[in-house]
Amino acid sequence: MRETIDMPNGKKFLMGNLTPGERFDFLSAVGSNWNSAPYMFTAEAVCSVREIDGVAISLPSSVSELKARADELGDAGVDAATEWLQKNNKYNLPNKEAAKN
């Protein structure tokens, strides 16, 4: 599923679920952090942003790239991405509320 999110700052994010192949790349990118539900949920949300203002962005391939992407999105962008993933969580990953516990 793909959906555009209009951010308050005027940016537009195109959101989309990861493909099966991208999920392997995602798991490689998170490295040893795979056993933390809050980390995995937030990282997947960040990776679900497929375009910013109509420009395609690549899937982060390392923890440092994940952090850089999160910084690029900012707090409001990460929050919007996690809310989108919570609504469109087709893999039954822990949602935002479960990740807090």
C-alpha atoms as a PDB file:
ATOM      1  CA  MET A   1       0.000   0.000   0.000  1.00  0.00           C
ATOM      2  CA  ARG A   2       1.216   3.490  -0.848  1.00  0.00           C
ATOM      3  CA  GLU A   3      -0.081   6.692   0.688  1.00  0.00           C
ATOM      4  CA  THR A   4       1.016  10.327   0.709  1.00  0.00           C
ATOM      5  CA  ILE A   5       1.297  12.145   4.026  1.00  0.00           C
ATOM      6  CA  ASP A   6       1.208  15.941   3.964  1.00  0.00           C
ATOM      7  CA  MET A   7       3.406  17.269   6.748  1.00  0.00           C
ATOM      8  CA  PRO A   8       2.664  20.567   8.560  1.00  0.00           C
ATOM      9  CA  ASN A   9       5.977  21.988   7.271  1.00  0.00           C
ATOM     10  CA  GLY A  10       4.784  21.511   3.672  1.00  0.00           C
ATOM     11  CA  LYS A  11       6.808  18.380   2.909  1.00  0.00           C
ATOM     12  CA  LYS A  12       5.108  15.372   1.370  1.00  0.00           C
ATOM     13  CA  PHE A  13       6.108  11.826   2.297  1.00  0.00           C
ATOM     14  CA  LEU A  14       5.146   8.878   0.115  1.00  0.00           C
ATOM     15  CA  MET A  15       4.764   5.926   2.450  1.00  0.00           C
ATOM     16  CA  GLY A  16       4.912   2.284   1.429  1.00  0.00           C
ATOM     17  CA  ASN A  17       5.345  -1.153   2.943  1.00  0.00           C
ATOM     18  CA  LEU A  18       8.653  -2.913   2.402  1.00  0.00           C
ATOM     19  CA  THR A  19       8.754  -5.627  -0.252  1.00  0.00           C
ATOM     20  CA  PRO A  20       9.821  -9.130   0.797  1.00  0.00           C
ATOM     21  CA  GLY A  21      13.313  -8.535  -0.603  1.00  0.00           C
ATOM     22  CA  GLU A  22      13.584  -5.145   1.076  1.00  0.00           C
ATOM     23  CA  ARG A  23      12.724  -6.789   4.393  1.00  0.00           C
ATOM     24  CA  PHE A  24      15.976  -8.783   4.169  1.00  0.00           C
ATOM     25  CA  ASP A  25      17.909  -5.585   3.468  1.00  0.00           C
ATOM     26  CA  PHE A  26      16.098  -3.906   6.358  1.00  0.00           C
ATOM     27  CA  LEU A  27      17.052  -6.697   8.760  1.00  0.00           C
ATOM     28  CA  SER A  28      20.651  -6.412   7.617  1.00  0.00           C
ATOM     29  CA  ALA A  29      20.576  -2.636   8.177  1.00  0.00           C
ATOM     30  CA  VAL A  30      19.323  -2.888  11.771  1.00  0.00           C
ATOM     31  CA  GLY A  31      22.193  -5.195  12.663  1.00  0.00           C
ATOM     32  CA  SER A  32      22.266  -6.405  16.241  1.00  0.00           C
ATOM     33  CA  ASN A  33      19.328  -4.167  17.202  1.00  0.00           C
ATOM     34  CA  TRP A  34      16.808  -6.691  15.844  1.00  0.00           C
ATOM     35  CA  ASN A  35      15.833  -7.890  19.346  1.00  0.00           C
ATOM     36  CA  SER A  36      14.456  -4.502  20.475  1.00  0.00           C
ATOM     37  CA  ALA A  37      10.785  -4.080  19.562  1.00  0.00           C
ATOM     38  CA  PRO A  38      10.758  -0.263  19.915  1.00  0.00           C
ATOM     39  CA  TYR A  39      13.894   0.019  17.758  1.00  0.00           C
ATOM     40  CA  MET A  40      12.549  -2.324  15.090  1.00  0.00           C
ATOM     41  CA  PHE A  41       9.177  -0.583  14.892  1.00  0.00           C
ATOM     42  CA  THR A  42      10.704   2.889  14.633  1.00  0.00           C
ATOM     43  CA  ALA A  43      13.333   1.717  12.141  1.00  0.00           C
ATOM     44  CA  GLU A  44      10.687   0.080   9.938  1.00  0.00           C
ATOM     45  CA  ALA A  45       8.600   3.262  10.091  1.00  0.00           C
ATOM     46  CA  VAL A  46      11.597   5.329   8.983  1.00  0.00           C
ATOM     47  CA  CYS A  47      12.235   2.872   6.134  1.00  0.00           C
ATOM     48  CA  SER A  48       8.576   3.087   5.076  1.00  0.00           C
ATOM     49  CA  VAL A  49       9.137   6.648   3.843  1.00  0.00           C
ATOM     50  CA  ARG A  50       9.724   5.951   0.141  1.00  0.00           C
ATOM     51  CA  GLU A  51       9.801   9.510  -1.263  1.00  0.00           C
ATOM     52  CA  ILE A  52      10.206  13.003   0.131  1.00  0.00           C
ATOM     53  CA  ASP A  53       8.621  15.744  -1.963  1.00  0.00           C
ATOM     54  CA  GLY A  54       8.409  13.422  -4.971  1.00  0.00           C
ATOM     55  CA  VAL A  55      12.077  12.377  -4.821  1.00  0.00           C
ATOM     56  CA  ALA A  56      12.660   8.659  -4.300  1.00  0.00           C
ATOM     57  CA  ILE A  57      14.944   7.785  -1.407  1.00  0.00           C
ATOM     58  CA  SER A  58      16.872   4.570  -1.005  1.00  0.00           C
ATOM     59  CA  LEU A  59      16.437   2.129   1.826  1.00  0.00           C
ATOM     60  CA  PRO A  60      19.025   2.777   4.555  1.00  0.00           C
ATOM     61  CA  SER A  61      21.663   0.038   4.585  1.00  0.00           C
ATOM     62  CA  SER A  62      23.217   0.534   8.032  1.00  0.00           C
ATOM     63  CA  VAL A  63      22.436   1.783  11.518  1.00  0.00           C
ATOM     64  CA  SER A  64      24.200   5.073  10.762  1.00  0.00           C
ATOM     65  CA  GLU A  65      22.057   5.553   7.633  1.00  0.00           C
ATOM     66  CA  LEU A  66      18.906   4.766   9.642  1.00  0.00           C
ATOM     67  CA  LYS A  67      19.888   7.446  12.167  1.00  0.00           C
ATOM     68  CA  ALA A  68      20.644   9.940   9.399  1.00  0.00           C
ATOM     69  CA  ARG A  69      17.258   9.264   7.766  1.00  0.00           C
ATOM     70  CA  ALA A  70      15.470   9.712  11.102  1.00  0.00           C
ATOM     71  CA  ASP A  71      17.279  13.027  11.582  1.00  0.00           C
ATOM     72  CA  GLU A  72      16.287  14.066   8.061  1.00  0.00           C
ATOM     73  CA  LEU A  73      12.624  13.290   8.810  1.00  0.00           C
ATOM     74  CA  GLY A  74      12.736  15.058  12.161  1.00  0.00           C
ATOM     75  CA  ASP A  75      10.555  14.341  15.178  1.00  0.00           C
ATOM     76  CA  ALA A  76       7.288  15.161  13.412  1.00  0.00           C
ATOM     77  CA  GLY A  77       8.262  13.041  10.403  1.00  0.00           C
ATOM     78  CA  VAL A  78       9.221  10.013  12.493  1.00  0.00           C
ATOM     79  CA  ASP A  79       5.985  10.373  14.469  1.00  0.00           C
ATOM     80  CA  ALA A  80       3.952  10.553  11.247  1.00  0.00           C
ATOM     81  CA  ALA A  81       5.775   7.515   9.845  1.00  0.00           C
ATOM     82  CA  THR A  82       5.186   5.466  12.997  1.00  0.00           C
ATOM     83  CA  GLU A  83       1.491   6.392  12.991  1.00  0.00           C
ATOM     84  CA  TRP A  84       1.246   5.355   9.332  1.00  0.00           C
ATOM     85  CA  LEU A  85       2.990   2.038  10.011  1.00  0.00           C
ATOM     86  CA  GLN A  86       0.751   1.382  12.989  1.00  0.00           C
ATOM     87  CA  LYS A  87      -2.293   1.665  10.684  1.00  0.00           C
ATOM     88  CA  ASN A  88      -0.669  -0.343   7.867  1.00  0.00           C
ATOM     89  CA  ASN A  89       1.227  -2.984   9.836  1.00  0.00           C
ATOM     90  CA  LYS A  90       0.786  -6.001   7.588  1.00  0.00           C
ATOM     91  CA  TYR A  91       3.487  -8.072   9.329  1.00  0.00           C
ATOM     92  CA  ASN A  92       1.920  -7.850  12.800  1.00  0.00           C
ATOM     93  CA  LEU A  93       4.993  -6.170  14.205  1.00  0.00           C
ATOM     94  CA  PRO A  94       4.581  -4.711  17.668  1.00  0.00           C
ATOM     95  CA  ASN A  95       2.727  -1.454  17.278  1.00  0.00           C
ATOM     96  CA  LYS A  96       3.760   1.854  18.784  1.00  0.00           C
ATOM     97  CA  GLU A  97       1.865   1.237  22.045  1.00  0.00           C
ATOM     98  CA  ALA A  98       3.189  -2.308  22.462  1.00  0.00           C
ATOM     99  CA  ALA A  99       6.699  -1.090  21.681  1.00  0.00           C
ATOM    100  CA  LYS A 100       6.526   1.310  24.650  1.00  0.00           C
ATOM    101  CA  ASN A 101       5.896  -1.550  27.106  1.00  0.00           C
END
